[in-house]
Amino acid sequence: MARKARKSVIGTADPKLDMSPMIDLVFLLLIFFMIASTMITFKKDPKIVIPIASASIKAKLVLHRVIVNVYEDGSIGDVNSNPMTLDELEQRMSQMKGKHADTKLHLRSDQRVPHKAVKEVIAASARGGVSEVIFSTYVRP
């Protein structure tokens, strides 16, 4: 005896899954992670040739860093390549230390800069209350 086909309560057509909300969600997540990844990195001045170190370690945390560039001629600048004096650096470090107790100096020094200029920048940072220094170096493969 043959069975009769049951009629669906919804109808005869199979239900279809609408993929557009899932695609929208994937695009929103993609945009979120693209923006978040650019916020984590910091700007690098291409005029500075970073020294190579065989035993360098990549710093994990990028929060509360004050990035200072020391150029070949001994002049210093901020992350946007704006020139600054040692007194301005000292004031900036003092302000950042007041806001965040774990502030660090991120020093991007050219490999051809005299050591005296690097010492002066570190001393100005220490006068501002920040004595922890992160040196930018490339790792030798």
N, C-alpha and C. Protein backbone atom coordinates (compact mmCIF):
# COMPACT_ATOMS: atom_id res chain seq x y z
N MET A 1 0.83 -1.14 0.00
CA MET A 1 0.00 0.00 0.00
C MET A 1 0.90 1.25 0.00
N ALA A 2 0.65 2.12 -0.89
CA ALA A 2 1.46 3.33 -1.05
C ALA A 2 0.99 4.40 -0.07
N ARG A 3 2.00 5.11 0.45
CA ARG A 3 1.67 6.19 1.39
C ARG A 3 1.40 7.46 0.63
N LYS A 4 0.55 8.25 1.17
CA LYS A 4 0.28 9.56 0.59
C LYS A 4 1.31 10.56 1.13
N ALA A 5 1.74 11.47 0.32
CA ALA A 5 2.68 12.51 0.75
C ALA A 5 1.96 13.46 1.68
N ARG A 6 2.64 13.76 2.80
CA ARG A 6 2.04 14.68 3.75
C ARG A 6 2.16 16.11 3.25
N LYS A 7 1.17 16.87 3.54
CA LYS A 7 1.22 18.28 3.20
C LYS A 7 1.86 19.03 4.36
N SER A 8 2.77 19.91 4.01
CA SER A 8 3.46 20.70 5.02
C SER A 8 2.53 21.78 5.55
N VAL A 9 2.70 22.07 6.81
CA VAL A 9 1.90 23.12 7.42
C VAL A 9 2.30 24.47 6.83
N ILE A 10 3.61 24.63 6.55
CA ILE A 10 4.11 25.90 6.02
C ILE A 10 3.74 26.03 4.55
N GLY A 11 3.81 25.00 3.86
CA GLY A 11 3.53 25.04 2.43
C GLY A 11 4.32 23.94 1.74
N THR A 12 4.28 23.91 0.47
CA THR A 12 4.97 22.86 -0.26
C THR A 12 6.44 23.18 -0.52
N ALA A 13 6.82 24.43 -0.50
CA ALA A 13 8.21 24.81 -0.80
C ALA A 13 9.09 24.58 0.43
N ASP A 14 10.36 24.18 0.17
CA ASP A 14 11.31 24.00 1.26
C ASP A 14 11.73 25.37 1.79
N PRO A 15 11.92 25.50 3.10
CA PRO A 15 12.35 26.79 3.63
C PRO A 15 13.77 27.10 3.17
N LYS A 16 14.06 28.38 2.89
CA LYS A 16 15.38 28.80 2.44
C LYS A 16 16.03 29.67 3.51
N LEU A 17 17.34 29.55 3.60
CA LEU A 17 18.10 30.29 4.57
C LEU A 17 18.60 31.59 3.92
N ASP A 18 18.30 32.72 4.58
CA ASP A 18 18.75 34.01 4.06
C ASP A 18 20.16 34.29 4.58
N MET A 19 21.12 34.40 3.67
CA MET A 19 22.53 34.56 4.04
C MET A 19 22.95 36.03 4.18
N SER A 20 22.12 36.96 3.79
CA SER A 20 22.54 38.36 3.81
C SER A 20 22.87 38.88 5.21
N PRO A 21 22.16 38.55 6.28
CA PRO A 21 22.59 39.04 7.60
C PRO A 21 23.95 38.48 8.02
N MET A 22 24.21 37.24 7.67
CA MET A 22 25.50 36.66 8.02
C MET A 22 26.64 37.33 7.24
N ILE A 23 26.41 37.64 5.99
CA ILE A 23 27.42 38.33 5.18
C ILE A 23 27.66 39.73 5.74
N ASP A 24 26.60 40.42 6.13
CA ASP A 24 26.75 41.75 6.75
C ASP A 24 27.59 41.67 8.02
N LEU A 25 27.33 40.66 8.83
CA LEU A 25 28.07 40.48 10.07
C LEU A 25 29.56 40.22 9.79
N VAL A 26 29.85 39.41 8.81
CA VAL A 26 31.24 39.11 8.46
C VAL A 26 31.95 40.38 8.01
N PHE A 27 31.30 41.20 7.20
CA PHE A 27 31.92 42.45 6.76
C PHE A 27 32.13 43.42 7.93
N LEU A 28 31.18 43.48 8.84
CA LEU A 28 31.35 44.34 10.01
C LEU A 28 32.51 43.87 10.88
N LEU A 29 32.65 42.57 11.07
CA LEU A 29 33.77 42.05 11.84
C LEU A 29 35.09 42.32 11.14
N LEU A 30 35.12 42.19 9.83
CA LEU A 30 36.32 42.47 9.06
C LEU A 30 36.75 43.93 9.23
N ILE A 31 35.81 44.83 9.13
CA ILE A 31 36.10 46.26 9.30
C ILE A 31 36.58 46.54 10.73
N PHE A 32 35.94 45.92 11.72
CA PHE A 32 36.34 46.12 13.11
C PHE A 32 37.78 45.69 13.33
N PHE A 33 38.16 44.51 12.85
CA PHE A 33 39.51 44.02 13.08
C PHE A 33 40.54 44.80 12.28
N MET A 34 40.16 45.31 11.12
CA MET A 34 41.10 46.14 10.35
C MET A 34 41.39 47.44 11.09
N ILE A 35 40.37 48.04 11.67
CA ILE A 35 40.55 49.29 12.41
C ILE A 35 41.31 49.04 13.70
N ALA A 36 40.96 47.97 14.39
CA ALA A 36 41.63 47.66 15.65
C ALA A 36 43.11 47.35 15.44
N SER A 37 43.45 46.70 14.35
CA SER A 37 44.85 46.38 14.12
C SER A 37 45.67 47.62 13.78
N THR A 38 45.08 48.62 13.14
CA THR A 38 45.83 49.84 12.86
C THR A 38 45.98 50.71 14.10
N MET A 39 45.09 50.56 15.06
CA MET A 39 45.20 51.33 16.28
C MET A 39 46.31 50.79 17.18
N ILE A 40 46.64 49.53 17.06
CA ILE A 40 47.65 48.92 17.91
C ILE A 40 49.06 49.30 17.48
N THR A 41 49.27 49.48 16.21
CA THR A 41 50.60 49.81 15.72
C THR A 41 50.90 51.29 15.92
N PHE A 42 52.16 51.64 15.76
CA PHE A 42 52.55 53.05 15.88
C PHE A 42 53.25 53.48 14.60
N LYS A 43 53.29 54.77 14.40
CA LYS A 43 53.89 55.33 13.19
C LYS A 43 55.40 55.24 13.27
N LYS A 44 56.02 54.99 12.11
CA LYS A 44 57.47 54.90 12.03
C LYS A 44 57.97 55.93 11.03
N ASP A 45 58.98 56.67 11.43
CA ASP A 45 59.57 57.67 10.56
C ASP A 45 60.56 56.98 9.63
N PRO A 46 60.35 57.05 8.32
CA PRO A 46 61.23 56.34 7.39
C PRO A 46 62.63 56.95 7.27
N LYS A 47 62.83 58.15 7.82
CA LYS A 47 64.15 58.79 7.74
C LYS A 47 65.14 58.20 8.73
N ILE A 48 64.66 57.41 9.67
CA ILE A 48 65.53 56.85 10.69
C ILE A 48 65.92 55.42 10.30
N VAL A 49 67.21 55.15 10.31
CA VAL A 49 67.71 53.80 10.05
C VAL A 49 67.96 53.14 11.41
N ILE A 50 67.09 52.20 11.74
CA ILE A 50 67.13 51.55 13.05
C ILE A 50 68.34 50.59 13.10
N PRO A 51 69.06 50.56 14.23
CA PRO A 51 70.18 49.63 14.35
C PRO A 51 69.71 48.18 14.45
N ILE A 52 70.63 47.26 14.16
CA ILE A 52 70.34 45.83 14.23
C ILE A 52 70.98 45.27 15.49
N ALA A 53 70.22 44.48 16.23
CA ALA A 53 70.73 43.86 17.45
C ALA A 53 70.49 42.36 17.37
N SER A 54 71.48 41.59 17.78
CA SER A 54 71.34 40.14 17.68
C SER A 54 70.47 39.56 18.78
N ALA A 55 70.37 40.22 19.91
CA ALA A 55 69.61 39.67 21.03
C ALA A 55 68.43 40.55 21.40
N SER A 56 67.81 41.17 20.45
CA SER A 56 66.68 42.05 20.77
C SER A 56 65.41 41.25 21.00
N ILE A 57 64.53 41.81 21.80
CA ILE A 57 63.25 41.18 22.14
C ILE A 57 62.16 42.17 21.79
N LYS A 58 61.12 41.70 21.14
CA LYS A 58 60.01 42.57 20.76
C LYS A 58 59.14 42.84 21.99
N ALA A 59 58.92 44.12 22.27
CA ALA A 59 58.06 44.51 23.40
C ALA A 59 56.62 44.16 23.07
N LYS A 60 55.90 43.64 24.05
CA LYS A 60 54.54 43.16 23.80
C LYS A 60 53.49 44.26 23.95
N LEU A 61 53.63 45.11 24.92
CA LEU A 61 52.60 46.09 25.23
C LEU A 61 52.96 47.44 24.62
N VAL A 62 52.05 48.03 23.86
CA VAL A 62 52.33 49.32 23.23
C VAL A 62 51.59 50.46 23.92
N LEU A 63 50.90 50.18 25.00
CA LEU A 63 50.17 51.23 25.70
C LEU A 63 51.10 52.12 26.51
N HIS A 64 50.74 53.37 26.60
CA HIS A 64 51.41 54.37 27.43
C HIS A 64 52.89 54.54 27.08
N ARG A 65 53.18 54.53 25.79
CA ARG A 65 54.53 54.81 25.32
C ARG A 65 54.59 56.21 24.75
N VAL A 66 55.70 56.87 24.99
CA VAL A 66 55.98 58.15 24.34
C VAL A 66 57.09 57.85 23.34
N ILE A 67 56.78 57.93 22.06
CA ILE A 67 57.74 57.61 21.02
C ILE A 67 58.53 58.87 20.67
N VAL A 68 59.84 58.75 20.73
CA VAL A 68 60.73 59.87 20.43
C VAL A 68 61.72 59.39 19.38
N ASN A 69 61.84 60.16 18.31
CA ASN A 69 62.79 59.87 17.24
C ASN A 69 64.03 60.73 17.45
N VAL A 70 65.21 60.09 17.34
CA VAL A 70 66.48 60.82 17.39
C VAL A 70 67.11 60.66 16.01
N TYR A 71 67.27 61.78 15.33
CA TYR A 71 67.76 61.77 13.95
C TYR A 71 69.29 61.77 13.91
N GLU A 72 69.82 61.55 12.72
CA GLU A 72 71.26 61.41 12.51
C GLU A 72 72.04 62.65 12.99
N ASP A 73 71.45 63.83 12.83
CA ASP A 73 72.14 65.05 13.24
C ASP A 73 72.00 65.35 14.74
N GLY A 74 71.30 64.47 15.49
CA GLY A 74 71.14 64.64 16.93
C GLY A 74 69.86 65.34 17.33
N SER A 75 69.10 65.85 16.35
CA SER A 75 67.82 66.50 16.67
C SER A 75 66.80 65.44 17.05
N ILE A 76 65.78 65.87 17.79
CA ILE A 76 64.75 64.93 18.23
C ILE A 76 63.39 65.38 17.73
N GLY A 77 62.48 64.42 17.61
CA GLY A 77 61.12 64.70 17.16
C GLY A 77 60.15 63.72 17.77
N ASP A 78 58.88 64.06 17.69
CA ASP A 78 57.85 63.17 18.22
C ASP A 78 57.45 62.15 17.16
N VAL A 79 56.39 61.42 17.44
CA VAL A 79 55.95 60.34 16.56
C VAL A 79 55.51 60.87 15.19
N ASN A 80 55.08 62.11 15.11
CA ASN A 80 54.65 62.71 13.84
C ASN A 80 55.77 63.50 13.17
N SER A 81 56.99 63.29 13.60
CA SER A 81 58.19 63.95 13.06
C SER A 81 58.20 65.46 13.31
N ASN A 82 57.46 65.92 14.31
CA ASN A 82 57.50 67.32 14.70
C ASN A 82 58.72 67.54 15.60
N PRO A 83 59.57 68.53 15.28
CA PRO A 83 60.76 68.75 16.10
C PRO A 83 60.39 69.19 17.51
N MET A 84 61.21 68.79 18.45
CA MET A 84 60.99 69.17 19.84
C MET A 84 62.35 69.35 20.53
N THR A 85 62.34 70.10 21.62
CA THR A 85 63.56 70.31 22.39
C THR A 85 63.57 69.34 23.57
N LEU A 86 64.69 69.30 24.26
CA LEU A 86 64.80 68.43 25.43
C LEU A 86 63.87 68.91 26.55
N ASP A 87 63.69 70.23 26.68
CA ASP A 87 62.78 70.76 27.69
C ASP A 87 61.33 70.36 27.39
N GLU A 88 60.95 70.42 26.11
CA GLU A 88 59.60 70.00 25.73
C GLU A 88 59.41 68.50 25.98
N LEU A 89 60.45 67.72 25.72
CA LEU A 89 60.37 66.28 26.00
C LEU A 89 60.19 66.03 27.49
N GLU A 90 60.93 66.75 28.30
CA GLU A 90 60.81 66.61 29.75
C GLU A 90 59.39 66.93 30.22
N GLN A 91 58.81 68.01 29.68
CA GLN A 91 57.44 68.38 30.06
C GLN A 91 56.43 67.33 29.60
N ARG A 92 56.62 66.82 28.38
CA ARG A 92 55.70 65.80 27.86
C ARG A 92 55.76 64.54 28.70
N MET A 93 56.98 64.14 29.11
CA MET A 93 57.12 62.95 29.94
C MET A 93 56.48 63.16 31.31
N SER A 94 56.64 64.35 31.85
CA SER A 94 56.04 64.66 33.14
C SER A 94 54.51 64.61 33.06
N GLN A 95 53.95 65.14 31.97
CA GLN A 95 52.49 65.10 31.78
C GLN A 95 52.00 63.66 31.63
N MET A 96 52.69 62.87 30.82
CA MET A 96 52.27 61.47 30.62
C MET A 96 52.42 60.66 31.90
N LYS A 97 53.46 60.90 32.65
CA LYS A 97 53.66 60.19 33.92
C LYS A 97 52.56 60.54 34.90
N GLY A 98 52.07 61.79 34.85
CA GLY A 98 50.95 62.18 35.70
C GLY A 98 49.66 61.46 35.33
N LYS A 99 49.46 61.19 34.04
CA LYS A 99 48.26 60.50 33.58
C LYS A 99 48.35 58.99 33.76
N HIS A 100 49.52 58.43 33.43
CA HIS A 100 49.71 56.97 33.46
C HIS A 100 51.01 56.66 34.18
N ALA A 101 50.93 55.96 35.29
CA ALA A 101 52.12 55.66 36.09
C ALA A 101 53.09 54.73 35.37
N ASP A 102 52.60 53.93 34.43
CA ASP A 102 53.47 52.96 33.74
C ASP A 102 53.98 53.47 32.39
N THR A 103 54.13 54.77 32.25
CA THR A 103 54.61 55.36 31.00
C THR A 103 56.06 54.96 30.73
N LYS A 104 56.34 54.69 29.45
CA LYS A 104 57.70 54.30 29.04
C LYS A 104 58.15 55.19 27.88
N LEU A 105 59.44 55.38 27.76
CA LEU A 105 60.04 56.09 26.64
C LEU A 105 60.36 55.06 25.57
N HIS A 106 59.80 55.24 24.38
CA HIS A 106 60.12 54.38 23.23
C HIS A 106 61.08 55.17 22.36
N LEU A 107 62.33 54.80 22.38
CA LEU A 107 63.38 55.55 21.71
C LEU A 107 63.71 54.93 20.37
N ARG A 108 63.43 55.68 19.29
CA ARG A 108 63.77 55.27 17.92
C ARG A 108 64.94 56.12 17.48
N SER A 109 66.12 55.59 17.64
CA SER A 109 67.33 56.34 17.35
C SER A 109 67.95 55.83 16.06
N ASP A 110 68.46 56.75 15.24
CA ASP A 110 69.18 56.37 14.03
C ASP A 110 70.48 55.69 14.43
N GLN A 111 70.91 54.71 13.65
CA GLN A 111 72.12 53.98 14.01
C GLN A 111 73.39 54.83 13.88
N ARG A 112 73.31 55.96 13.18
CA ARG A 112 74.47 56.82 13.00
C ARG A 112 74.52 57.98 13.98
N VAL A 113 73.56 58.08 14.88
CA VAL A 113 73.50 59.20 15.81
C VAL A 113 74.57 59.02 16.90
N PRO A 114 75.21 60.11 17.33
CA PRO A 114 76.19 60.00 18.43
C PRO A 114 75.50 59.56 19.73
N HIS A 115 76.22 58.78 20.49
CA HIS A 115 75.66 58.24 21.74
C HIS A 115 75.30 59.37 22.72
N LYS A 116 75.99 60.47 22.64
CA LYS A 116 75.74 61.61 23.52
C LYS A 116 74.29 62.11 23.36
N ALA A 117 73.80 62.15 22.12
CA ALA A 117 72.42 62.62 21.88
C ALA A 117 71.40 61.67 22.49
N VAL A 118 71.67 60.38 22.43
CA VAL A 118 70.77 59.39 23.02
C VAL A 118 70.75 59.54 24.54
N LYS A 119 71.93 59.73 25.14
CA LYS A 119 72.01 59.93 26.59
C LYS A 119 71.24 61.17 27.03
N GLU A 120 71.32 62.24 26.24
CA GLU A 120 70.61 63.47 26.60
C GLU A 120 69.09 63.26 26.58
N VAL A 121 68.60 62.50 25.60
CA VAL A 121 67.16 62.22 25.52
C VAL A 121 66.72 61.38 26.71
N ILE A 122 67.51 60.36 27.06
CA ILE A 122 67.17 59.51 28.20
C ILE A 122 67.21 60.32 29.49
N ALA A 123 68.19 61.21 29.62
CA ALA A 123 68.28 62.06 30.82
C ALA A 123 67.08 63.00 30.92
N ALA A 124 66.65 63.58 29.80
CA ALA A 124 65.48 64.47 29.82
C ALA A 124 64.23 63.68 30.20
N SER A 125 64.12 62.46 29.73
CA SER A 125 62.99 61.61 30.09
C SER A 125 63.01 61.30 31.58
N ALA A 126 64.19 61.01 32.11
CA ALA A 126 64.32 60.71 33.54
C ALA A 126 63.98 61.93 34.39
N ARG A 127 64.37 63.12 33.93
CA ARG A 127 64.00 64.34 34.67
C ARG A 127 62.48 64.54 34.66
N GLY A 128 61.82 64.06 33.62
CA GLY A 128 60.37 64.13 33.54
C GLY A 128 59.66 63.04 34.34
N GLY A 129 60.44 62.11 34.90
CA GLY A 129 59.85 61.07 35.75
C GLY A 129 59.73 59.71 35.10
N VAL A 130 60.16 59.58 33.87
CA VAL A 130 60.05 58.30 33.16
C VAL A 130 61.46 57.76 32.95
N SER A 131 61.76 56.64 33.61
CA SER A 131 63.10 56.07 33.50
C SER A 131 63.14 54.76 32.73
N GLU A 132 61.99 54.18 32.41
CA GLU A 132 61.96 52.95 31.61
C GLU A 132 62.08 53.31 30.14
N VAL A 133 63.02 52.66 29.45
CA VAL A 133 63.30 52.97 28.05
C VAL A 133 63.17 51.70 27.22
N ILE A 134 62.49 51.83 26.09
CA ILE A 134 62.40 50.75 25.10
C ILE A 134 63.17 51.24 23.88
N PHE A 135 64.19 50.50 23.49
CA PHE A 135 64.99 50.86 22.32
C PHE A 135 64.46 50.11 21.10
N SER A 136 64.25 50.83 20.01
CA SER A 136 63.83 50.18 18.76
C SER A 136 65.06 49.62 18.07
N THR A 137 65.00 48.33 17.77
CA THR A 137 66.06 47.68 17.01
C THR A 137 65.42 46.65 16.09
N TYR A 138 66.17 46.28 15.06
CA TYR A 138 65.75 45.18 14.21
C TYR A 138 66.46 43.93 14.69
N VAL A 139 65.81 42.80 14.52
CA VAL A 139 66.39 41.53 14.93
C VAL A 139 67.22 40.98 13.77
N ARG A 140 68.42 40.56 14.06
CA ARG A 140 69.27 39.94 13.04
C ARG A 140 68.80 38.51 12.85
N PRO A 141 68.49 38.13 11.60
CA PRO A 141 68.00 36.76 11.37
C PRO A 141 69.06 35.70 11.58
